[in-house]
C-alpha atoms as a PDB file:
ATOM      1  CA  GLN A   1      -3.441  -2.696   9.516  1.00  0.00           C
ATOM      2  CA  ARG A   2      -3.936  -0.296   6.605  1.00  0.00           C
ATOM      3  CA  THR A   3      -3.248   2.631   8.911  1.00  0.00           C
ATOM      4  CA  PHE A   4       0.217   1.288   9.684  1.00  0.00           C
ATOM      5  CA  GLU A   5       0.888   0.429   6.036  1.00  0.00           C
ATOM      6  CA  ALA A   6      -0.176   3.893   4.852  1.00  0.00           C
ATOM      7  CA  ALA A   7       1.953   5.528   7.544  1.00  0.00           C
ATOM      8  CA  ALA A   8       4.971   3.403   6.619  1.00  0.00           C
ATOM      9  CA  ALA A   9       4.541   4.564   3.034  1.00  0.00           C
ATOM     10  CA  GLY A  10       4.629   8.185   4.209  1.00  0.00           C
ATOM     11  CA  ALA A  11       0.978   8.985   3.573  1.00  0.00           C
ATOM     12  CA  PHE A  12      -0.725  11.722   5.570  1.00  0.00           C
ATOM     13  CA  GLN A  13      -3.861  10.476   7.298  1.00  0.00           C
ATOM     14  CA  LEU A  14      -6.637  12.615   8.712  1.00  0.00           C
ATOM     15  CA  SER A  15      -8.803  10.419  10.932  1.00  0.00           C
ATOM     16  CA  ASP A  16     -12.116  10.648  12.681  1.00  0.00           C
ATOM     17  CA  TYR A  17     -11.702  10.719  16.440  1.00  0.00           C
ATOM     18  CA  LYS A  18     -10.809   7.442  18.058  1.00  0.00           C
ATOM     19  CA  LYS A  19      -9.144   7.106  21.438  1.00  0.00           C
ATOM     20  CA  ALA A  20      -6.586   4.718  19.957  1.00  0.00           C
ATOM     21  CA  VAL A  21      -5.542   7.339  17.389  1.00  0.00           C
ATOM     22  CA  VAL A  22      -5.022   9.956  20.100  1.00  0.00           C
ATOM     23  CA  ASP A  23      -3.172   7.423  22.268  1.00  0.00           C
ATOM     24  CA  PHE A  24      -0.875   6.624  19.336  1.00  0.00           C
ATOM     25  CA  HIS A  25      -0.252  10.181  18.080  1.00  0.00           C
ATOM     26  CA  GLY A  26      -0.736  12.201  21.244  1.00  0.00           C
ATOM     27  CA  ASP A  27      -1.923  15.789  21.244  1.00  0.00           C
ATOM     28  CA  GLU A  28      -0.690  16.284  17.680  1.00  0.00           C
ATOM     29  CA  ALA A  29      -3.099  13.719  16.225  1.00  0.00           C
ATOM     30  CA  ALA A  30      -4.632  14.806  12.913  1.00  0.00           C
ATOM     31  CA  ILE A  31      -8.235  14.065  13.832  1.00  0.00           C
ATOM     32  CA  PHE A  32     -11.678  15.526  13.404  1.00  0.00           C
ATOM     33  CA  ARG A  33     -14.881  15.124  15.395  1.00  0.00           C
ATOM     34  CA  SER A  34     -17.446  16.491  12.958  1.00  0.00           C
ATOM     35  CA  LEU A  35     -17.954  16.995   9.234  1.00  0.00           C
ATOM     36  CA  PRO A  36     -17.403  20.777   9.438  1.00  0.00           C
ATOM     37  CA  GLU A  37     -14.173  20.196  11.358  1.00  0.00           C
ATOM     38  CA  ALA A  38     -13.076  17.595   8.792  1.00  0.00           C
ATOM     39  CA  ILE A  39     -13.624  20.063   5.966  1.00  0.00           C
ATOM     40  CA  GLN A  40     -11.724  22.775   7.844  1.00  0.00           C
ATOM     41  CA  LYS A  41      -8.789  20.450   8.545  1.00  0.00           C
ATOM     42  CA  VAL A  42      -8.666  19.130   4.976  1.00  0.00           C
ATOM     43  CA  ARG A  43      -8.438  22.717   3.739  1.00  0.00           C
ATOM     44  CA  TYR A  44      -5.841  23.564   6.367  1.00  0.00           C
ATOM     45  CA  TYR A  45      -3.547  20.632   5.638  1.00  0.00           C
ATOM     46  CA  LEU A  46      -3.892  21.049   1.870  1.00  0.00           C
ATOM     47  CA  SER A  47      -2.696  24.631   2.209  1.00  0.00           C
ATOM     48  CA  HIS A  48       0.143  23.812   4.657  1.00  0.00           C
ATOM     49  CA  ASP A  49       2.301  21.366   2.715  1.00  0.00           C
ATOM     50  CA  GLN A  50       5.327  21.479   5.009  1.00  0.00           C
ATOM     51  CA  GLU A  51       3.268  20.839   8.138  1.00  0.00           C
ATOM     52  CA  ARG A  52       1.370  17.998   6.453  1.00  0.00           C
ATOM     53  CA  MET A  53       4.567  16.373   5.191  1.00  0.00           C
ATOM     54  CA  ALA A  54       6.336  16.789   8.552  1.00  0.00           C
ATOM     55  CA  TYR A  55       3.417  15.154  10.358  1.00  0.00           C
ATOM     56  CA  ALA A  56       3.352  12.261   7.888  1.00  0.00           C
ATOM     57  CA  GLU A  57       7.106  11.774   8.336  1.00  0.00           C
ATOM     58  CA  ARG A  58       6.854  11.791  12.154  1.00  0.00           C
ATOM     59  CA  VAL A  59       4.152   9.129  11.989  1.00  0.00           C
ATOM     60  CA  ARG A  60       6.165   7.151   9.431  1.00  0.00           C
ATOM     61  CA  GLN A  61       9.210   7.113  11.699  1.00  0.00           C
ATOM     62  CA  THR A  62       7.126   6.062  14.697  1.00  0.00           C
ATOM     63  CA  VAL A  63       5.698   3.138  12.731  1.00  0.00           C
ATOM     64  CA  LEU A  64       9.056   2.064  11.308  1.00  0.00           C
ATOM     65  CA  ASN A  65      10.738   2.323  14.712  1.00  0.00           C
ATOM     66  CA  ASN A  66       8.035   0.598  16.758  1.00  0.00           C
ATOM     67  CA  HIS A  67       5.269  -1.076  14.768  1.00  0.00           C
ATOM     68  CA  THR A  68       6.584  -3.346  12.027  1.00  0.00           C
ATOM     69  CA  TYR A  69       5.898  -7.045  11.644  1.00  0.00           C
ATOM     70  CA  GLN A  70       9.368  -7.666  13.079  1.00  0.00           C
ATOM     71  CA  HIS A  71       8.406  -5.727  16.214  1.00  0.00           C
ATOM     72  CA  ARG A  72       5.246  -7.820  16.544  1.00  0.00           C
ATOM     73  CA  ILE A  73       7.149 -11.094  16.101  1.00  0.00           C
ATOM     74  CA  ASN A  74       9.762 -10.040  18.659  1.00  0.00           C
ATOM     75  CA  PHE A  75       6.983  -9.110  21.097  1.00  0.00           C
ATOM     76  CA  ILE A  76       5.355 -12.519  20.710  1.00  0.00           C
ATOM     77  CA  PHE A  77       8.594 -14.441  21.151  1.00  0.00           C
ATOM     78  CA  ASP A  78       9.604 -12.309  24.135  1.00  0.00           C
ATOM     79  CA  HIS A  79       6.349 -13.193  25.853  1.00  0.00           C
ATOM     80  CA  ILE A  80       6.340 -16.949  25.202  1.00  0.00           C
ATOM     81  CA  LYS A  81       9.798 -17.634  26.606  1.00  0.00           C
END
């Protein structure tokens, strides 16, 4: 849940690899698979403000358009009719 809340707030999130993260974000997922890769990506995103902010905004819009509590409630009611 925190992932969705952070995204809705516009926070950039770098995540360790999880299939669900890649499924959600696609090929553009900000992920790492090792500590050296994490360090490299932290440095990269800290030095590329526009790219980091654009990524965070894309994720924010995805969450707001598809993954709010209202979306979940609608999904539940649509499936119990």
